[in-house]
Each structure stands twice: as C-alpha cells, then as structure tokens.
Amino acid sequence: MAEMAFQQGVTCIVMDEKDNVTTLLADMKKGESVIYTKGNQTCELTLQEDVNFGHKVAIALINPGEEVKKYGEVIGAATTIIHPGEHVHVHNIEGIRGRGDKKSGV
C-alpha cells in the first residue's frame, strides 16, 4: 500500500484517484477554500456552503443518477445535480448497495 504524506494545515483528503468527493478534516464555512491532492495534481476548491468535519464535498460535477465515489468505491448515487464545492450527504445521494432494484440491466 502506498504511503501518504500530509502537510500541516490540510483540511480535506481524497483517498483514491477515482473519487469525486473529498472528506473534510475540519469544520469549514461557505467561501473557504480547500486544497487537496488527487493523483499527482494539487487542486483548490471553494466551498459553496458550510460543511462539517467528516462530511463529503463534491470535487467534480455529479449528475442525477451518477455514482458517488469515495475510497475508490461507489457509496451511492446522486439524486440531484451536485456542483463542485457542495456538501454531499443524505439530502442529495441515495444508497444503492444491496438494492436489487438498482442493479444495472434490471
């Protein structure tokens, strides 16, 4: 497993290059910037709303029905359009694991 090094003051983390969300490591306010590393690229994003520690923020546009990925794994599907910098939580995603009605090809 690759070892990750973090700089002092890091406020969020992207665990896998396939992720379309980052996880905040501190409470943050609308208008604040978060800086994260995805692969070898360092990116900056402005929060569109207040988001609490441990919650997710979109780092890419996520369209309705599109998979939300964290840790390189699908954690749900968007129920509405989610813009970069917006809070990603139960109000705009639904779980799809273990749901026979959400299997592809059904």
PDB file of N, CA and C in Angstrom:
ATOM      1  N   MET A   1       0.845  -1.176   0.000  1.00  0.00           N
ATOM      2  CA  MET A   1       0.000   0.000   0.000  1.00  0.00           C
ATOM      3  C   MET A   1       0.895   1.245   0.000  1.00  0.00           C
ATOM      4  N   ALA A   2       0.532   2.208  -0.808  1.00  0.00           N
ATOM      5  CA  ALA A   2       1.315   3.436  -0.906  1.00  0.00           C
ATOM      6  C   ALA A   2       1.156   4.260   0.363  1.00  0.00           C
ATOM      7  N   GLU A   3       2.238   4.837   0.801  1.00  0.00           N
ATOM      8  CA  GLU A   3       2.210   5.676   1.988  1.00  0.00           C
ATOM      9  C   GLU A   3       1.876   7.096   1.572  1.00  0.00           C
ATOM     10  N   MET A   4       1.016   7.773   2.334  1.00  0.00           N
ATOM     11  CA  MET A   4       0.616   9.137   2.016  1.00  0.00           C
ATOM     12  C   MET A   4       1.238  10.088   3.032  1.00  0.00           C
ATOM     13  N   ALA A   5       1.764  11.192   2.559  1.00  0.00           N
ATOM     14  CA  ALA A   5       2.315  12.219   3.433  1.00  0.00           C
ATOM     15  C   ALA A   5       1.382  13.426   3.394  1.00  0.00           C
ATOM     16  N   PHE A   6       1.135  14.046   4.543  1.00  0.00           N
ATOM     17  CA  PHE A   6       0.234  15.180   4.623  1.00  0.00           C
ATOM     18  C   PHE A   6       0.967  16.397   5.149  1.00  0.00           C
ATOM     19  N   GLN A   7       0.614  17.548   4.585  1.00  0.00           N
ATOM     20  CA  GLN A   7       1.205  18.802   5.032  1.00  0.00           C
ATOM     21  C   GLN A   7       0.400  19.334   6.210  1.00  0.00           C
ATOM     22  N   GLN A   8       1.060  20.109   7.031  1.00  0.00           N
ATOM     23  CA  GLN A   8       0.381  20.746   8.148  1.00  0.00           C
ATOM     24  C   GLN A   8      -0.699  21.672   7.591  1.00  0.00           C
ATOM     25  N   GLY A   9      -1.861  21.704   8.223  1.00  0.00           N
ATOM     26  CA  GLY A   9      -2.940  22.572   7.780  1.00  0.00           C
ATOM     27  C   GLY A   9      -3.864  21.947   6.754  1.00  0.00           C
ATOM     28  N   VAL A  10      -3.663  20.680   6.399  1.00  0.00           N
ATOM     29  CA  VAL A  10      -4.532  20.006   5.446  1.00  0.00           C
ATOM     30  C   VAL A  10      -5.955  19.986   6.011  1.00  0.00           C
ATOM     31  N   THR A  11      -6.944  20.325   5.170  1.00  0.00           N
ATOM     32  CA  THR A  11      -8.325  20.395   5.630  1.00  0.00           C
ATOM     33  C   THR A  11      -9.238  19.351   4.999  1.00  0.00           C
ATOM     34  N   CYS A  12      -8.732  18.613   4.000  1.00  0.00           N
ATOM     35  CA  CYS A  12      -9.552  17.579   3.378  1.00  0.00           C
ATOM     36  C   CYS A  12      -8.658  16.536   2.723  1.00  0.00           C
ATOM     37  N   ILE A  13      -9.280  15.400   2.352  1.00  0.00           N
ATOM     38  CA  ILE A  13      -8.500  14.311   1.787  1.00  0.00           C
ATOM     39  C   ILE A  13      -9.302  13.594   0.708  1.00  0.00           C
ATOM     40  N   VAL A  14      -8.629  13.282  -0.383  1.00  0.00           N
ATOM     41  CA  VAL A  14      -9.168  12.425  -1.436  1.00  0.00           C
ATOM     42  C   VAL A  14      -8.384  11.126  -1.342  1.00  0.00           C
ATOM     43  N   MET A  15      -9.093  10.023  -1.133  1.00  0.00           N
ATOM     44  CA  MET A  15      -8.417   8.754  -0.869  1.00  0.00           C
ATOM     45  C   MET A  15      -7.997   7.994  -2.128  1.00  0.00           C
ATOM     46  N   ASP A  16      -8.674   8.228  -3.252  1.00  0.00           N
ATOM     47  CA  ASP A  16      -8.411   7.452  -4.469  1.00  0.00           C
ATOM     48  C   ASP A  16      -8.628   8.351  -5.690  1.00  0.00           C
ATOM     49  N   GLU A  17      -7.872   8.111  -6.740  1.00  0.00           N
ATOM     50  CA  GLU A  17      -7.991   8.923  -7.952  1.00  0.00           C
ATOM     51  C   GLU A  17      -9.370   8.835  -8.597  1.00  0.00           C
ATOM     52  N   LYS A  18     -10.141   7.776  -8.312  1.00  0.00           N
ATOM     53  CA  LYS A  18     -11.485   7.622  -8.883  1.00  0.00           C
ATOM     54  C   LYS A  18     -12.530   8.434  -8.115  1.00  0.00           C
ATOM     55  N   ASP A  19     -12.181   8.934  -6.932  1.00  0.00           N
ATOM     56  CA  ASP A  19     -13.146   9.648  -6.090  1.00  0.00           C
ATOM     57  C   ASP A  19     -13.641  10.924  -6.755  1.00  0.00           C
ATOM     58  N   ASN A  20     -14.932  11.229  -6.547  1.00  0.00           N
ATOM     59  CA  ASN A  20     -15.473  12.518  -6.987  1.00  0.00           C
ATOM     60  C   ASN A  20     -15.939  13.349  -5.798  1.00  0.00           C
ATOM     61  N   VAL A  21     -15.491  12.935  -4.599  1.00  0.00           N
ATOM     62  CA  VAL A  21     -15.716  13.700  -3.372  1.00  0.00           C
ATOM     63  C   VAL A  21     -14.424  13.749  -2.563  1.00  0.00           C
ATOM     64  N   THR A  22     -14.331  14.757  -1.716  1.00  0.00           N
ATOM     65  CA  THR A  22     -13.261  14.841  -0.732  1.00  0.00           C
ATOM     66  C   THR A  22     -13.914  14.854   0.641  1.00  0.00           C
ATOM     67  N   THR A  23     -13.197  14.419   1.654  1.00  0.00           N
ATOM     68  CA  THR A  23     -13.715  14.382   3.015  1.00  0.00           C
ATOM     69  C   THR A  23     -13.015  15.466   3.832  1.00  0.00           C
ATOM     70  N   LEU A  24     -13.819  16.295   4.511  1.00  0.00           N
ATOM     71  CA  LEU A  24     -13.244  17.386   5.300  1.00  0.00           C
ATOM     72  C   LEU A  24     -12.675  16.879   6.619  1.00  0.00           C
ATOM     73  N   LEU A  25     -11.542  17.437   6.993  1.00  0.00           N
ATOM     74  CA  LEU A  25     -10.872  17.095   8.240  1.00  0.00           C
ATOM     75  C   LEU A  25     -11.053  18.175   9.295  1.00  0.00           C
ATOM     76  N   ALA A  26     -11.945  19.136   9.003  1.00  0.00           N
ATOM     77  CA  ALA A  26     -12.264  20.222   9.932  1.00  0.00           C
ATOM     78  C   ALA A  26     -13.599  20.822   9.509  1.00  0.00           C
ATOM     79  N   ASP A  27     -14.297  21.474  10.446  1.00  0.00           N
ATOM     80  CA  ASP A  27     -15.490  22.237  10.079  1.00  0.00           C
ATOM     81  C   ASP A  27     -15.040  23.388   9.195  1.00  0.00           C
ATOM     82  N   MET A  28     -15.789  23.652   8.120  1.00  0.00           N
ATOM     83  CA  MET A  28     -15.417  24.738   7.211  1.00  0.00           C
ATOM     84  C   MET A  28     -16.653  25.527   6.808  1.00  0.00           C
ATOM     85  N   LYS A  29     -16.437  26.774   6.433  1.00  0.00           N
ATOM     86  CA  LYS A  29     -17.526  27.693   6.107  1.00  0.00           C
ATOM     87  C   LYS A  29     -17.594  27.962   4.606  1.00  0.00           C
ATOM     88  N   LYS A  30     -18.787  28.318   4.157  1.00  0.00           N
ATOM     89  CA  LYS A  30     -19.014  28.713   2.770  1.00  0.00           C
ATOM     90  C   LYS A  30     -18.000  29.798   2.390  1.00  0.00           C
ATOM     91  N   GLY A  31     -17.413  29.667   1.204  1.00  0.00           N
ATOM     92  CA  GLY A  31     -16.444  30.642   0.715  1.00  0.00           C
ATOM     93  C   GLY A  31     -15.002  30.299   1.040  1.00  0.00           C
ATOM     94  N   GLU A  32     -14.790  29.380   2.004  1.00  0.00           N
ATOM     95  CA  GLU A  32     -13.427  28.957   2.315  1.00  0.00           C
ATOM     96  C   GLU A  32     -12.921  28.028   1.217  1.00  0.00           C
ATOM     97  N   SER A  33     -11.625  28.042   1.014  1.00  0.00           N
ATOM     98  CA  SER A  33     -11.005  27.171   0.018  1.00  0.00           C
ATOM     99  C   SER A  33     -10.440  25.930   0.671  1.00  0.00           C
ATOM    100  N   VAL A  34     -10.573  24.808  -0.030  1.00  0.00           N
ATOM    101  CA  VAL A  34      -9.935  23.568   0.387  1.00  0.00           C
ATOM    102  C   VAL A  34      -8.933  23.194  -0.694  1.00  0.00           C
ATOM    103  N   ILE A  35      -7.819  22.666  -0.266  1.00  0.00           N
ATOM    104  CA  ILE A  35      -6.776  22.221  -1.193  1.00  0.00           C
ATOM    105  C   ILE A  35      -6.592  20.732  -0.971  1.00  0.00           C
ATOM    106  N   TYR A  36      -6.621  19.979  -2.052  1.00  0.00           N
ATOM    107  CA  TYR A  36      -6.486  18.535  -1.958  1.00  0.00           C
ATOM    108  C   TYR A  36      -5.588  18.033  -3.084  1.00  0.00           C
ATOM    109  N   THR A  37      -5.100  16.832  -2.902  1.00  0.00           N
ATOM    110  CA  THR A  37      -4.273  16.191  -3.914  1.00  0.00           C
ATOM    111  C   THR A  37      -5.044  15.012  -4.472  1.00  0.00           C
ATOM    112  N   LYS A  38      -5.104  14.943  -5.794  1.00  0.00           N
ATOM    113  CA  LYS A  38      -5.748  13.818  -6.475  1.00  0.00           C
ATOM    114  C   LYS A  38      -4.729  13.304  -7.472  1.00  0.00           C
ATOM    115  N   GLY A  39      -4.211  12.110  -7.197  1.00  0.00           N
ATOM    116  CA  GLY A  39      -3.102  11.610  -8.002  1.00  0.00           C
ATOM    117  C   GLY A  39      -1.895  12.478  -7.737  1.00  0.00           C
ATOM    118  N   ASN A  40      -1.298  13.003  -8.779  1.00  0.00           N
ATOM    119  CA  ASN A  40      -0.137  13.890  -8.642  1.00  0.00           C
ATOM    120  C   ASN A  40      -0.512  15.356  -8.771  1.00  0.00           C
ATOM    121  N   GLN A  41      -1.806  15.646  -8.828  1.00  0.00           N
ATOM    122  CA  GLN A  41      -2.259  17.013  -9.051  1.00  0.00           C
ATOM    123  C   GLN A  41      -2.803  17.626  -7.757  1.00  0.00           C
ATOM    124  N   THR A  42      -2.378  18.844  -7.465  1.00  0.00           N
ATOM    125  CA  THR A  42      -2.910  19.601  -6.340  1.00  0.00           C
ATOM    126  C   THR A  42      -4.009  20.509  -6.869  1.00  0.00           C
ATOM    127  N   CYS A  43      -5.165  20.463  -6.215  1.00  0.00           N
ATOM    128  CA  CYS A  43      -6.340  21.212  -6.678  1.00  0.00           C
ATOM    129  C   CYS A  43      -6.877  22.083  -5.544  1.00  0.00           C
ATOM    130  N   GLU A  44      -7.558  23.148  -5.922  1.00  0.00           N
ATOM    131  CA  GLU A  44      -8.187  24.042  -4.946  1.00  0.00           C
ATOM    132  C   GLU A  44      -9.650  24.208  -5.319  1.00  0.00           C
ATOM    133  N   LEU A  45     -10.497  24.281  -4.298  1.00  0.00           N
ATOM    134  CA  LEU A  45     -11.937  24.344  -4.499  1.00  0.00           C
ATOM    135  C   LEU A  45     -12.535  25.258  -3.442  1.00  0.00           C
ATOM    136  N   THR A  46     -13.520  26.064  -3.826  1.00  0.00           N
ATOM    137  CA  THR A  46     -14.207  26.944  -2.892  1.00  0.00           C
ATOM    138  C   THR A  46     -15.509  26.290  -2.457  1.00  0.00           C
ATOM    139  N   LEU A  47     -15.739  26.240  -1.148  1.00  0.00           N
ATOM    140  CA  LEU A  47     -16.958  25.638  -0.624  1.00  0.00           C
ATOM    141  C   LEU A  47     -18.161  26.516  -0.952  1.00  0.00           C
ATOM    142  N   GLN A  48     -19.244  25.870  -1.367  1.00  0.00           N
ATOM    143  CA  GLN A  48     -20.476  26.566  -1.720  1.00  0.00           C
ATOM    144  C   GLN A  48     -21.452  26.665  -0.549  1.00  0.00           C
ATOM    145  N   GLU A  49     -21.109  26.004   0.557  1.00  0.00           N
ATOM    146  CA  GLU A  49     -21.942  26.034   1.755  1.00  0.00           C
ATOM    147  C   GLU A  49     -21.104  25.581   2.948  1.00  0.00           C
ATOM    148  N   ASP A  50     -21.589  25.824   4.158  1.00  0.00           N
ATOM    149  CA  ASP A  50     -20.910  25.328   5.359  1.00  0.00           C
ATOM    150  C   ASP A  50     -20.952  23.802   5.348  1.00  0.00           C
ATOM    151  N   VAL A  51     -19.832  23.178   5.727  1.00  0.00           N
ATOM    152  CA  VAL A  51     -19.764  21.711   5.781  1.00  0.00           C
ATOM    153  C   VAL A  51     -18.985  21.321   7.036  1.00  0.00           C
ATOM    154  N   ASN A  52     -19.496  20.328   7.750  1.00  0.00           N
ATOM    155  CA  ASN A  52     -18.877  19.890   8.999  1.00  0.00           C
ATOM    156  C   ASN A  52     -17.787  18.847   8.789  1.00  0.00           C
ATOM    157  N   PHE A  53     -16.943  18.742   9.797  1.00  0.00           N
ATOM    158  CA  PHE A  53     -15.883  17.738   9.855  1.00  0.00           C
ATOM    159  C   PHE A  53     -16.433  16.355   9.500  1.00  0.00           C
ATOM    160  N   GLY A  54     -15.685  15.612   8.686  1.00  0.00           N
ATOM    161  CA  GLY A  54     -16.046  14.244   8.348  1.00  0.00           C
ATOM    162  C   GLY A  54     -17.040  14.109   7.218  1.00  0.00           C
ATOM    163  N   HIS A  55     -17.601  15.229   6.787  1.00  0.00           N
ATOM    164  CA  HIS A  55     -18.583  15.172   5.701  1.00  0.00           C
ATOM    165  C   HIS A  55     -17.888  15.344   4.351  1.00  0.00           C
ATOM    166  N   LYS A  56     -18.613  14.990   3.302  1.00  0.00           N
ATOM    167  CA  LYS A  56     -18.058  14.990   1.945  1.00  0.00           C
ATOM    168  C   LYS A  56     -18.450  16.239   1.180  1.00  0.00           C
ATOM    169  N   VAL A  57     -17.566  16.622   0.243  1.00  0.00           N
ATOM    170  CA  VAL A  57     -17.789  17.748  -0.657  1.00  0.00           C
ATOM    171  C   VAL A  57     -17.482  17.265  -2.065  1.00  0.00           C
ATOM    172  N   ALA A  58     -18.338  17.622  -3.010  1.00  0.00           N
ATOM    173  CA  ALA A  58     -18.097  17.247  -4.403  1.00  0.00           C
ATOM    174  C   ALA A  58     -16.869  17.980  -4.931  1.00  0.00           C
ATOM    175  N   ILE A  59     -16.016  17.250  -5.662  1.00  0.00           N
ATOM    176  CA  ILE A  59     -14.842  17.870  -6.301  1.00  0.00           C
ATOM    177  C   ILE A  59     -15.000  17.877  -7.817  1.00  0.00           C
ATOM    178  N   ALA A  60     -16.137  17.378  -8.277  1.00  0.00           N
ATOM    179  CA  ALA A  60     -16.473  17.370  -9.701  1.00  0.00           C
ATOM    180  C   ALA A  60     -17.985  17.477  -9.796  1.00  0.00           C
ATOM    181  N   LEU A  61     -18.481  17.869 -10.942  1.00  0.00           N
ATOM    182  CA  LEU A  61     -19.916  17.883 -11.167  1.00  0.00           C
ATOM    183  C   LEU A  61     -20.434  16.444 -11.125  1.00  0.00           C
ATOM    184  N   ILE A  62     -21.476  16.219 -10.328  1.00  0.00           N
ATOM    185  CA  ILE A  62     -22.088  14.893 -10.220  1.00  0.00           C
ATOM    186  C   ILE A  62     -23.549  15.046 -10.644  1.00  0.00           C
ATOM    187  N   ASN A  63     -23.915  14.388 -11.724  1.00  0.00           N
ATOM    188  CA  ASN A  63     -25.261  14.493 -12.269  1.00  0.00           C
ATOM    189  C   ASN A  63     -26.213  13.509 -11.601  1.00  0.00           C
ATOM    190  N   PRO A  64     -27.527  13.788 -11.649  1.00  0.00           N
ATOM    191  CA  PRO A  64     -28.506  12.859 -11.064  1.00  0.00           C
ATOM    192  C   PRO A  64     -28.320  11.450 -11.612  1.00  0.00           C
ATOM    193  N   GLY A  65     -28.321  10.468 -10.714  1.00  0.00           N
ATOM    194  CA  GLY A  65     -28.143   9.074 -11.093  1.00  0.00           C
ATOM    195  C   GLY A  65     -26.691   8.643 -11.193  1.00  0.00           C
ATOM    196  N   GLU A  66     -25.764   9.609 -11.220  1.00  0.00           N
ATOM    197  CA  GLU A  66     -24.342   9.281 -11.325  1.00  0.00           C
ATOM    198  C   GLU A  66     -23.827   8.733  -9.996  1.00  0.00           C
ATOM    199  N   GLU A  67     -22.887   7.806 -10.084  1.00  0.00           N
ATOM    200  CA  GLU A  67     -22.295   7.209  -8.894  1.00  0.00           C
ATOM    201  C   GLU A  67     -21.443   8.220  -8.132  1.00  0.00           C
ATOM    202  N   VAL A  68     -21.555   8.193  -6.814  1.00  0.00           N
ATOM    203  CA  VAL A  68     -20.708   8.985  -5.927  1.00  0.00           C
ATOM    204  C   VAL A  68     -19.633   8.027  -5.434  1.00  0.00           C
ATOM    205  N   LYS A  69     -18.371   8.428  -5.605  1.00  0.00           N
ATOM    206  CA  LYS A  69     -17.269   7.530  -5.259  1.00  0.00           C
ATOM    207  C   LYS A  69     -16.385   8.131  -4.175  1.00  0.00           C
ATOM    208  N   LYS A  70     -16.101   7.285  -3.167  1.00  0.00           N
ATOM    209  CA  LYS A  70     -15.209   7.624  -2.063  1.00  0.00           C
ATOM    210  C   LYS A  70     -14.397   6.370  -1.779  1.00  0.00           C
ATOM    211  N   TYR A  71     -13.121   6.502  -1.492  1.00  0.00           N
ATOM    212  CA  TYR A  71     -12.213   5.360  -1.301  1.00  0.00           C
ATOM    213  C   TYR A  71     -12.100   4.531  -2.583  1.00  0.00           C
ATOM    214  N   GLY A  72     -12.445   5.114  -3.731  1.00  0.00           N
ATOM    215  CA  GLY A  72     -12.420   4.397  -4.991  1.00  0.00           C
ATOM    216  C   GLY A  72     -13.606   3.469  -5.174  1.00  0.00           C
ATOM    217  N   GLU A  73     -14.564   3.526  -4.253  1.00  0.00           N
ATOM    218  CA  GLU A  73     -15.743   2.653  -4.273  1.00  0.00           C
ATOM    219  C   GLU A  73     -17.013   3.482  -4.388  1.00  0.00           C
ATOM    220  N   VAL A  74     -18.029   2.902  -4.968  1.00  0.00           N
ATOM    221  CA  VAL A  74     -19.327   3.564  -5.071  1.00  0.00           C
ATOM    222  C   VAL A  74     -19.987   3.551  -3.697  1.00  0.00           C
ATOM    223  N   ILE A  75     -20.397   4.739  -3.222  1.00  0.00           N
ATOM    224  CA  ILE A  75     -21.073   4.834  -1.925  1.00  0.00           C
ATOM    225  C   ILE A  75     -22.535   5.227  -2.080  1.00  0.00           C
ATOM    226  N   GLY A  76     -22.955   5.514  -3.306  1.00  0.00           N
ATOM    227  CA  GLY A  76     -24.336   5.904  -3.549  1.00  0.00           C
ATOM    228  C   GLY A  76     -24.474   6.500  -4.923  1.00  0.00           C
ATOM    229  N   ALA A  77     -25.667   7.047  -5.175  1.00  0.00           N
ATOM    230  CA  ALA A  77     -25.949   7.709  -6.444  1.00  0.00           C
ATOM    231  C   ALA A  77     -26.584   9.062  -6.156  1.00  0.00           C
ATOM    232  N   ALA A  78     -26.246  10.040  -6.963  1.00  0.00           N
ATOM    233  CA  ALA A  78     -26.791  11.385  -6.780  1.00  0.00           C
ATOM    234  C   ALA A  78     -28.283  11.395  -7.096  1.00  0.00           C
ATOM    235  N   THR A  79     -29.060  12.077  -6.260  1.00  0.00           N
ATOM    236  CA  THR A  79     -30.493  12.229  -6.502  1.00  0.00           C
ATOM    237  C   THR A  79     -30.806  13.560  -7.166  1.00  0.00           C
ATOM    238  N   THR A  80     -29.812  14.419  -7.225  1.00  0.00           N
ATOM    239  CA  THR A  80     -29.942  15.741  -7.832  1.00  0.00           C
ATOM    240  C   THR A  80     -28.575  16.139  -8.364  1.00  0.00           C
ATOM    241  N   ILE A  81     -28.500  17.208  -9.122  1.00  0.00           N
ATOM    242  CA  ILE A  81     -27.194  17.676  -9.585  1.00  0.00           C
ATOM    243  C   ILE A  81     -26.418  18.220  -8.381  1.00  0.00           C
ATOM    244  N   ILE A  82     -25.148  17.840  -8.290  1.00  0.00           N
ATOM    245  CA  ILE A  82     -24.288  18.289  -7.187  1.00  0.00           C
ATOM    246  C   ILE A  82     -23.093  18.991  -7.825  1.00  0.00           C
ATOM    247  N   HIS A  83     -22.949  20.274  -7.530  1.00  0.00           N
ATOM    248  CA  HIS A  83     -21.862  21.067  -8.104  1.00  0.00           C
ATOM    249  C   HIS A  83     -20.596  20.958  -7.260  1.00  0.00           C
ATOM    250  N   PRO A  84     -19.443  21.148  -7.875  1.00  0.00           N
ATOM    251  CA  PRO A  84     -18.198  21.165  -7.100  1.00  0.00           C
ATOM    252  C   PRO A  84     -18.297  22.177  -5.950  1.00  0.00           C
ATOM    253  N   GLY A  85     -17.860  21.750  -4.778  1.00  0.00           N
ATOM    254  CA  GLY A  85     -17.898  22.619  -3.605  1.00  0.00           C
ATOM    255  C   GLY A  85     -19.151  22.462  -2.764  1.00  0.00           C
ATOM    256  N   GLU A  86     -20.118  21.651  -3.234  1.00  0.00           N
ATOM    257  CA  GLU A  86     -21.344  21.432  -2.478  1.00  0.00           C
ATOM    258  C   GLU A  86     -21.215  20.218  -1.559  1.00  0.00           C
ATOM    259  N   HIS A  87     -21.927  20.293  -0.452  1.00  0.00           N
ATOM    260  CA  HIS A  87     -21.992  19.229   0.545  1.00  0.00           C
ATOM    261  C   HIS A  87     -22.652  18.002  -0.093  1.00  0.00           C
ATOM    262  N   VAL A  88     -22.065  16.831   0.117  1.00  0.00           N
ATOM    263  CA  VAL A  88     -22.615  15.571  -0.390  1.00  0.00           C
ATOM    264  C   VAL A  88     -23.009  14.740   0.820  1.00  0.00           C
ATOM    265  N   HIS A  89     -24.312  14.493   0.956  1.00  0.00           N
ATOM    266  CA  HIS A  89     -24.801  13.776   2.134  1.00  0.00           C
ATOM    267  C   HIS A  89     -26.170  13.184   1.802  1.00  0.00           C
ATOM    268  N   VAL A  90     -26.911  12.744   2.800  1.00  0.00           N
ATOM    269  CA  VAL A  90     -28.180  12.050   2.586  1.00  0.00           C
ATOM    270  C   VAL A  90     -29.227  12.902   1.870  1.00  0.00           C
ATOM    271  N   HIS A  91     -29.072  14.219   1.854  1.00  0.00           N
ATOM    272  CA  HIS A  91     -30.048  15.077   1.193  1.00  0.00           C
ATOM    273  C   HIS A  91     -29.899  15.079  -0.336  1.00  0.00           C
ATOM    274  N   ASN A  92     -28.749  14.575  -0.847  1.00  0.00           N
ATOM    275  CA  ASN A  92     -28.578  14.590  -2.301  1.00  0.00           C
ATOM    276  C   ASN A  92     -27.969  13.308  -2.876  1.00  0.00           C
ATOM    277  N   ILE A  93     -27.848  12.265  -2.051  1.00  0.00           N
ATOM    278  CA  ILE A  93     -27.454  10.937  -2.566  1.00  0.00           C
ATOM    279  C   ILE A  93     -28.326   9.877  -1.912  1.00  0.00           C
ATOM    280  N   GLU A  94     -28.427   8.723  -2.583  1.00  0.00           N
ATOM    281  CA  GLU A  94     -29.123   7.584  -2.004  1.00  0.00           C
ATOM    282  C   GLU A  94     -28.217   6.377  -2.083  1.00  0.00           C
ATOM    283  N   GLY A  95     -28.335   5.511  -1.091  1.00  0.00           N
ATOM    284  CA  GLY A  95     -27.576   4.273  -1.098  1.00  0.00           C
ATOM    285  C   GLY A  95     -28.085   3.352  -2.193  1.00  0.00           C
ATOM    286  N   ILE A  96     -27.165   2.646  -2.850  1.00  0.00           N
ATOM    287  CA  ILE A  96     -27.580   1.714  -3.899  1.00  0.00           C
ATOM    288  C   ILE A  96     -27.052   0.309  -3.653  1.00  0.00           C
ATOM    289  N   ARG A  97     -26.229   0.135  -2.641  1.00  0.00           N
ATOM    290  CA  ARG A  97     -25.692  -1.199  -2.332  1.00  0.00           C
ATOM    291  C   ARG A  97     -26.790  -2.100  -1.794  1.00  0.00           C
ATOM    292  N   GLY A  98     -26.826  -3.317  -2.299  1.00  0.00           N
ATOM    293  CA  GLY A  98     -27.778  -4.297  -1.813  1.00  0.00           C
ATOM    294  C   GLY A  98     -29.200  -4.079  -2.278  1.00  0.00           C
ATOM    295  N   ARG A  99     -29.417  -3.143  -3.188  1.00  0.00           N
ATOM    296  CA  ARG A  99     -30.744  -2.867  -3.689  1.00  0.00           C
ATOM    297  C   ARG A  99     -30.927  -3.540  -5.044  1.00  0.00           C
ATOM    298  N   GLY A 100     -31.704  -4.574  -5.085  1.00  0.00           N
ATOM    299  CA  GLY A 100     -31.961  -5.281  -6.337  1.00  0.00           C
ATOM    300  C   GLY A 100     -32.570  -4.400  -7.399  1.00  0.00           C
ATOM    301  N   ASP A 101     -33.346  -3.391  -6.989  1.00  0.00           N
ATOM    302  CA  ASP A 101     -33.984  -2.503  -7.966  1.00  0.00           C
ATOM    303  C   ASP A 101     -32.989  -1.522  -8.576  1.00  0.00           C
ATOM    304  N   LYS A 102     -31.771  -1.450  -8.068  1.00  0.00           N
ATOM    305  CA  LYS A 102     -30.756  -0.530  -8.582  1.00  0.00           C
ATOM    306  C   LYS A 102     -29.656  -1.247  -9.343  1.00  0.00           C
ATOM    307  N   LYS A 103     -29.797  -2.561  -9.545  1.00  0.00           N
ATOM    308  CA  LYS A 103     -28.781  -3.305 -10.302  1.00  0.00           C
ATOM    309  C   LYS A 103     -28.858  -2.889 -11.761  1.00  0.00           C
ATOM    310  N   SER A 104     -27.689  -2.755 -12.399  1.00  0.00           N
ATOM    311  CA  SER A 104     -27.691  -2.430 -13.818  1.00  0.00           C
ATOM    312  C   SER A 104     -28.279  -3.579 -14.606  1.00  0.00           C
ATOM    313  N   GLY A 105     -29.023  -3.232 -15.647  1.00  0.00           N
ATOM    314  CA  GLY A 105     -29.621  -4.232 -16.522  1.00  0.00           C
ATOM    315  C   GLY A 105     -30.945  -4.770 -16.009  1.00  0.00           C
ATOM    316  N   VAL A 106     -31.455  -4.226 -14.893  1.00  0.00           N
ATOM    317  CA  VAL A 106     -32.746  -4.691 -14.344  1.00  0.00           C
ATOM    318  C   VAL A 106     -33.817  -3.737 -14.766  1.00  0.00           C
TER     319      VAL A 106
END
